[in-house]
């Protein structure tokens, strides 16, 4: 049976459908995502939907890096992720993030033209 869980991301509350046995895992994921969104907000000029996309891309990038290096376990949390994950070159990551931001800006600009 599905229930709901209230989570908070960047000061906004969201109600999410979730099985009761998954509450702890989803709550931990929300805390991680909120922390990553906070980091992205401090290091970029992103806000709102774009901020969520940047944080999600960063998490997906780190997950793929862990998979490629054959490491298992949880993704390192918070800013410790970059120092803990030796396979990620910080300068390369910054370059990739800037590239993603430019692509997001381009995609969002096209979306504005639709409306």
N, C-alpha and C. Protein backbone atom coordinates (compact mmCIF):
# COMPACT_ATOMS: atom_id res chain seq x y z
N UNK A 1 0.84 -1.18 0.00
CA UNK A 1 0.00 0.00 0.00
C UNK A 1 0.88 1.24 0.00
N UNK A 2 0.55 2.19 -0.83
CA UNK A 2 1.32 3.41 -0.95
C UNK A 2 0.80 4.46 0.02
N UNK A 3 1.71 5.15 0.63
CA UNK A 3 1.39 6.23 1.56
C UNK A 3 2.10 7.48 1.06
N UNK A 4 2.14 8.52 1.84
CA UNK A 4 2.86 9.72 1.41
C UNK A 4 3.89 10.12 2.45
N UNK A 5 4.91 10.79 1.97
CA UNK A 5 5.98 11.30 2.81
C UNK A 5 6.19 12.76 2.46
N UNK A 6 6.28 13.60 3.46
CA UNK A 6 6.57 15.02 3.23
C UNK A 6 8.07 15.22 3.31
N UNK A 7 8.62 15.81 2.24
CA UNK A 7 10.06 16.12 2.22
C UNK A 7 10.23 17.61 1.99
N UNK A 8 11.40 18.11 2.31
CA UNK A 8 11.68 19.53 2.13
C UNK A 8 12.95 19.68 1.29
N UNK A 9 12.83 20.45 0.20
CA UNK A 9 13.97 20.73 -0.68
C UNK A 9 14.06 22.23 -0.86
N UNK A 10 15.19 22.79 -0.46
CA UNK A 10 15.43 24.22 -0.61
C UNK A 10 14.29 25.07 -0.03
N UNK A 11 13.82 24.66 1.14
CA UNK A 11 12.80 25.41 1.83
C UNK A 11 11.37 25.16 1.37
N UNK A 12 11.19 24.38 0.33
CA UNK A 12 9.84 24.07 -0.18
C UNK A 12 9.47 22.65 0.21
N UNK A 13 8.23 22.47 0.61
CA UNK A 13 7.76 21.15 1.01
C UNK A 13 7.08 20.44 -0.16
N UNK A 14 7.31 19.14 -0.23
CA UNK A 14 6.73 18.31 -1.27
C UNK A 14 6.14 17.07 -0.61
N UNK A 15 5.02 16.64 -1.07
CA UNK A 15 4.41 15.39 -0.62
C UNK A 15 4.65 14.36 -1.72
N UNK A 16 5.27 13.25 -1.35
CA UNK A 16 5.68 12.23 -2.32
C UNK A 16 5.02 10.90 -1.96
N UNK A 17 4.46 10.22 -2.95
CA UNK A 17 3.91 8.88 -2.73
C UNK A 17 5.05 7.91 -2.50
N UNK A 18 4.92 7.11 -1.47
CA UNK A 18 6.02 6.22 -1.11
C UNK A 18 5.48 5.12 -0.20
N UNK A 19 5.96 3.90 -0.39
CA UNK A 19 5.60 2.80 0.49
C UNK A 19 6.22 3.06 1.87
N UNK A 20 5.51 2.77 2.95
CA UNK A 20 6.02 3.05 4.29
C UNK A 20 7.39 2.44 4.56
N UNK A 21 7.67 1.27 4.01
CA UNK A 21 8.99 0.64 4.26
C UNK A 21 10.13 1.36 3.53
N UNK A 22 9.80 2.31 2.66
CA UNK A 22 10.82 3.07 1.94
C UNK A 22 10.99 4.49 2.47
N UNK A 23 10.27 4.85 3.54
CA UNK A 23 10.34 6.20 4.09
C UNK A 23 11.76 6.62 4.44
N UNK A 24 12.48 5.76 5.16
CA UNK A 24 13.84 6.12 5.60
C UNK A 24 14.78 6.34 4.42
N UNK A 25 14.70 5.47 3.43
CA UNK A 25 15.57 5.59 2.26
C UNK A 25 15.24 6.84 1.46
N UNK A 26 13.96 7.11 1.26
CA UNK A 26 13.56 8.30 0.52
C UNK A 26 13.89 9.57 1.30
N UNK A 27 13.72 9.54 2.61
CA UNK A 27 14.08 10.70 3.44
C UNK A 27 15.57 11.00 3.33
N UNK A 28 16.39 9.95 3.37
CA UNK A 28 17.84 10.13 3.23
C UNK A 28 18.18 10.68 1.85
N UNK A 29 17.48 10.20 0.81
CA UNK A 29 17.72 10.71 -0.55
C UNK A 29 17.35 12.19 -0.63
N UNK A 30 16.26 12.58 0.03
CA UNK A 30 15.84 13.98 0.02
C UNK A 30 16.87 14.86 0.72
N UNK A 31 17.43 14.37 1.82
CA UNK A 31 18.46 15.13 2.54
C UNK A 31 19.69 15.31 1.65
N UNK A 32 20.10 14.23 0.97
CA UNK A 32 21.25 14.30 0.06
C UNK A 32 20.97 15.28 -1.08
N UNK A 33 19.80 15.17 -1.69
CA UNK A 33 19.45 16.07 -2.80
C UNK A 33 19.39 17.52 -2.34
N UNK A 34 18.83 17.77 -1.17
CA UNK A 34 18.76 19.13 -0.64
C UNK A 34 20.16 19.69 -0.42
N UNK A 35 21.06 18.87 0.12
CA UNK A 35 22.44 19.31 0.32
C UNK A 35 23.12 19.62 -1.01
N UNK A 36 22.92 18.76 -2.00
CA UNK A 36 23.53 18.98 -3.31
C UNK A 36 22.95 20.21 -3.99
N UNK A 37 21.65 20.44 -3.83
CA UNK A 37 21.04 21.64 -4.40
C UNK A 37 21.62 22.88 -3.72
N UNK A 38 21.85 22.80 -2.42
CA UNK A 38 22.47 23.91 -1.70
C UNK A 38 23.87 24.19 -2.20
N UNK A 39 24.65 23.12 -2.42
CA UNK A 39 26.01 23.29 -2.96
C UNK A 39 25.96 23.91 -4.35
N UNK A 40 25.07 23.41 -5.19
CA UNK A 40 24.95 23.93 -6.56
C UNK A 40 24.50 25.40 -6.53
N UNK A 41 23.63 25.74 -5.61
CA UNK A 41 23.16 27.14 -5.51
C UNK A 41 24.31 28.06 -5.12
N UNK A 42 25.21 27.56 -4.27
CA UNK A 42 26.35 28.39 -3.84
C UNK A 42 27.41 28.53 -4.93
N UNK A 43 27.55 27.53 -5.79
CA UNK A 43 28.62 27.55 -6.79
C UNK A 43 28.17 27.98 -8.18
N UNK A 44 26.86 28.05 -8.39
CA UNK A 44 26.33 28.48 -9.69
C UNK A 44 25.29 29.56 -9.45
N UNK A 45 24.79 30.10 -10.49
CA UNK A 45 23.72 31.09 -10.37
C UNK A 45 22.36 30.45 -10.61
N UNK A 46 22.31 29.16 -10.47
CA UNK A 46 21.08 28.42 -10.76
C UNK A 46 20.06 28.59 -9.64
N UNK A 47 18.80 28.58 -10.04
CA UNK A 47 17.68 28.58 -9.10
C UNK A 47 16.57 27.72 -9.67
N UNK A 48 15.60 27.39 -8.85
CA UNK A 48 14.41 26.69 -9.29
C UNK A 48 14.68 25.38 -10.01
N UNK A 49 13.98 25.21 -11.12
CA UNK A 49 14.07 23.97 -11.90
C UNK A 49 15.49 23.72 -12.39
N UNK A 50 16.16 24.76 -12.81
CA UNK A 50 17.53 24.62 -13.31
C UNK A 50 18.46 24.12 -12.21
N UNK A 51 18.26 24.61 -10.99
CA UNK A 51 19.06 24.17 -9.86
C UNK A 51 18.85 22.67 -9.62
N UNK A 52 17.61 22.23 -9.69
CA UNK A 52 17.31 20.81 -9.50
C UNK A 52 17.96 19.96 -10.59
N UNK A 53 17.95 20.46 -11.82
CA UNK A 53 18.56 19.73 -12.94
C UNK A 53 20.07 19.65 -12.75
N UNK A 54 20.70 20.75 -12.35
CA UNK A 54 22.16 20.74 -12.13
C UNK A 54 22.51 19.75 -11.02
N UNK A 55 21.77 19.77 -9.92
CA UNK A 55 22.03 18.84 -8.81
C UNK A 55 21.83 17.39 -9.26
N UNK A 56 20.77 17.14 -10.02
CA UNK A 56 20.51 15.78 -10.51
C UNK A 56 21.61 15.32 -11.46
N UNK A 57 22.06 16.21 -12.33
CA UNK A 57 23.15 15.85 -13.24
C UNK A 57 24.44 15.54 -12.48
N UNK A 58 24.72 16.32 -11.45
CA UNK A 58 25.91 16.07 -10.64
C UNK A 58 25.83 14.70 -9.97
N UNK A 59 24.67 14.38 -9.40
CA UNK A 59 24.49 13.09 -8.75
C UNK A 59 24.59 11.95 -9.76
N UNK A 60 23.97 12.11 -10.92
CA UNK A 60 24.04 11.08 -11.96
C UNK A 60 25.48 10.89 -12.44
N UNK A 61 26.21 11.98 -12.60
CA UNK A 61 27.60 11.91 -13.02
C UNK A 61 28.42 11.11 -12.00
N UNK A 62 28.24 11.42 -10.72
CA UNK A 62 28.98 10.71 -9.68
C UNK A 62 28.59 9.24 -9.62
N UNK A 63 27.31 8.94 -9.79
CA UNK A 63 26.87 7.55 -9.80
C UNK A 63 27.53 6.79 -10.95
N UNK A 64 27.55 7.39 -12.13
CA UNK A 64 28.20 6.75 -13.28
C UNK A 64 29.69 6.58 -13.06
N UNK A 65 30.33 7.57 -12.45
CA UNK A 65 31.76 7.45 -12.16
C UNK A 65 32.02 6.29 -11.20
N UNK A 66 31.17 6.15 -10.19
CA UNK A 66 31.32 5.03 -9.27
C UNK A 66 31.12 3.70 -9.97
N UNK A 67 30.14 3.65 -10.85
CA UNK A 67 29.88 2.41 -11.58
C UNK A 67 31.05 2.06 -12.49
N UNK A 68 31.63 3.05 -13.15
CA UNK A 68 32.74 2.81 -14.07
C UNK A 68 33.99 2.34 -13.35
N UNK A 69 34.19 2.80 -12.13
CA UNK A 69 35.37 2.39 -11.38
C UNK A 69 35.12 1.10 -10.62
N UNK A 70 33.89 0.57 -10.73
CA UNK A 70 33.58 -0.70 -10.08
C UNK A 70 33.35 -0.58 -8.60
N UNK A 71 33.21 0.62 -8.10
CA UNK A 71 32.97 0.80 -6.67
C UNK A 71 31.51 0.57 -6.37
N UNK A 72 31.25 0.07 -5.19
CA UNK A 72 29.87 -0.13 -4.77
C UNK A 72 29.63 0.67 -3.51
N UNK A 73 28.41 0.67 -3.08
CA UNK A 73 28.07 1.41 -1.87
C UNK A 73 27.43 2.73 -2.21
N UNK A 74 27.24 3.52 -1.20
CA UNK A 74 26.53 4.79 -1.35
C UNK A 74 27.40 5.82 -2.03
N UNK A 75 26.75 6.74 -2.67
CA UNK A 75 27.44 7.89 -3.25
C UNK A 75 27.92 8.74 -2.09
N UNK A 76 29.17 9.20 -2.10
CA UNK A 76 29.63 10.06 -1.01
C UNK A 76 28.73 11.28 -0.88
N UNK A 77 28.49 11.70 0.34
CA UNK A 77 27.57 12.82 0.55
C UNK A 77 28.31 14.15 0.63
N UNK A 78 27.57 15.21 0.35
CA UNK A 78 27.98 16.59 0.49
C UNK A 78 29.28 16.86 -0.25
N UNK A 79 30.05 17.85 0.24
CA UNK A 79 31.25 18.26 -0.48
C UNK A 79 32.36 17.23 -0.37
N UNK A 80 32.21 16.27 0.53
CA UNK A 80 33.21 15.21 0.65
C UNK A 80 33.25 14.34 -0.61
N UNK A 81 32.20 14.42 -1.42
CA UNK A 81 32.12 13.57 -2.61
C UNK A 81 33.30 13.79 -3.54
N UNK A 82 33.65 15.04 -3.81
CA UNK A 82 34.74 15.30 -4.74
C UNK A 82 36.08 14.86 -4.19
N UNK A 83 36.32 15.04 -2.92
CA UNK A 83 37.60 14.64 -2.37
C UNK A 83 37.65 13.13 -2.16
N UNK A 84 36.51 12.50 -1.87
CA UNK A 84 36.49 11.07 -1.61
C UNK A 84 36.57 10.27 -2.91
N UNK A 85 36.05 10.80 -3.99
CA UNK A 85 36.02 10.07 -5.25
C UNK A 85 37.22 10.49 -6.09
N UNK A 86 38.27 9.72 -6.04
CA UNK A 86 39.51 10.07 -6.72
C UNK A 86 39.39 10.01 -8.24
N UNK A 87 38.40 9.27 -8.75
CA UNK A 87 38.23 9.14 -10.19
C UNK A 87 37.70 10.42 -10.82
N UNK A 88 37.23 11.34 -10.01
CA UNK A 88 36.67 12.59 -10.54
C UNK A 88 37.72 13.69 -10.42
N UNK A 89 38.11 14.24 -11.54
CA UNK A 89 39.02 15.37 -11.59
C UNK A 89 38.19 16.64 -11.38
N UNK A 90 38.49 17.40 -10.34
CA UNK A 90 37.68 18.57 -9.98
C UNK A 90 37.60 19.57 -11.12
N UNK A 91 38.71 19.83 -11.79
CA UNK A 91 38.70 20.80 -12.89
C UNK A 91 37.85 20.30 -14.06
N UNK A 92 37.98 19.01 -14.35
CA UNK A 92 37.16 18.41 -15.41
C UNK A 92 35.68 18.48 -15.03
N UNK A 93 35.37 18.24 -13.77
CA UNK A 93 33.99 18.31 -13.31
C UNK A 93 33.45 19.73 -13.45
N UNK A 94 34.24 20.73 -13.09
CA UNK A 94 33.81 22.13 -13.24
C UNK A 94 33.53 22.46 -14.71
N UNK A 95 34.42 21.99 -15.59
CA UNK A 95 34.24 22.22 -17.02
C UNK A 95 32.95 21.56 -17.51
N UNK A 96 32.72 20.34 -17.08
CA UNK A 96 31.51 19.62 -17.49
C UNK A 96 30.25 20.31 -16.97
N UNK A 97 30.30 20.79 -15.75
CA UNK A 97 29.14 21.48 -15.17
C UNK A 97 28.85 22.76 -15.96
N UNK A 98 29.90 23.52 -16.29
CA UNK A 98 29.70 24.73 -17.08
C UNK A 98 29.11 24.40 -18.44
N UNK A 99 29.57 23.30 -19.04
CA UNK A 99 29.04 22.85 -20.32
C UNK A 99 27.56 22.48 -20.17
N UNK A 100 27.21 21.77 -19.10
CA UNK A 100 25.82 21.40 -18.86
C UNK A 100 24.96 22.64 -18.64
N UNK A 101 25.49 23.62 -17.90
CA UNK A 101 24.75 24.86 -17.67
C UNK A 101 24.48 25.58 -18.99
N UNK A 102 25.47 25.63 -19.85
CA UNK A 102 25.30 26.29 -21.15
C UNK A 102 24.23 25.57 -21.97
N UNK A 103 24.27 24.24 -21.95
CA UNK A 103 23.28 23.48 -22.69
C UNK A 103 21.88 23.66 -22.10
N UNK A 104 21.81 23.73 -20.76
CA UNK A 104 20.52 23.98 -20.12
C UNK A 104 19.98 25.36 -20.49
N UNK A 105 20.86 26.36 -20.46
CA UNK A 105 20.45 27.72 -20.84
C UNK A 105 19.88 27.72 -22.26
N UNK A 106 20.56 27.02 -23.16
CA UNK A 106 20.12 26.95 -24.54
C UNK A 106 18.76 26.26 -24.66
N UNK A 107 18.62 25.13 -23.95
CA UNK A 107 17.36 24.39 -24.01
C UNK A 107 16.22 25.19 -23.38
N UNK A 108 16.49 25.85 -22.26
CA UNK A 108 15.44 26.64 -21.61
C UNK A 108 15.08 27.86 -22.43
N UNK A 109 16.04 28.43 -23.14
CA UNK A 109 15.75 29.58 -23.99
C UNK A 109 14.80 29.17 -25.11
N UNK A 110 15.01 27.99 -25.69
CA UNK A 110 14.12 27.50 -26.73
C UNK A 110 12.73 27.24 -26.17
N UNK A 111 12.65 26.77 -24.93
CA UNK A 111 11.36 26.50 -24.30
C UNK A 111 10.58 27.80 -24.12
N UNK A 112 11.26 28.89 -23.77
CA UNK A 112 10.61 30.18 -23.59
C UNK A 112 9.95 30.65 -24.90
N UNK A 113 10.57 30.31 -26.03
CA UNK A 113 10.03 30.70 -27.32
C UNK A 113 8.71 30.00 -27.63
N UNK A 114 8.48 28.86 -27.00
CA UNK A 114 7.26 28.09 -27.25
C UNK A 114 6.03 28.73 -26.61
N UNK A 115 6.25 29.51 -25.57
CA UNK A 115 5.12 30.06 -24.83
C UNK A 115 5.04 31.54 -24.95
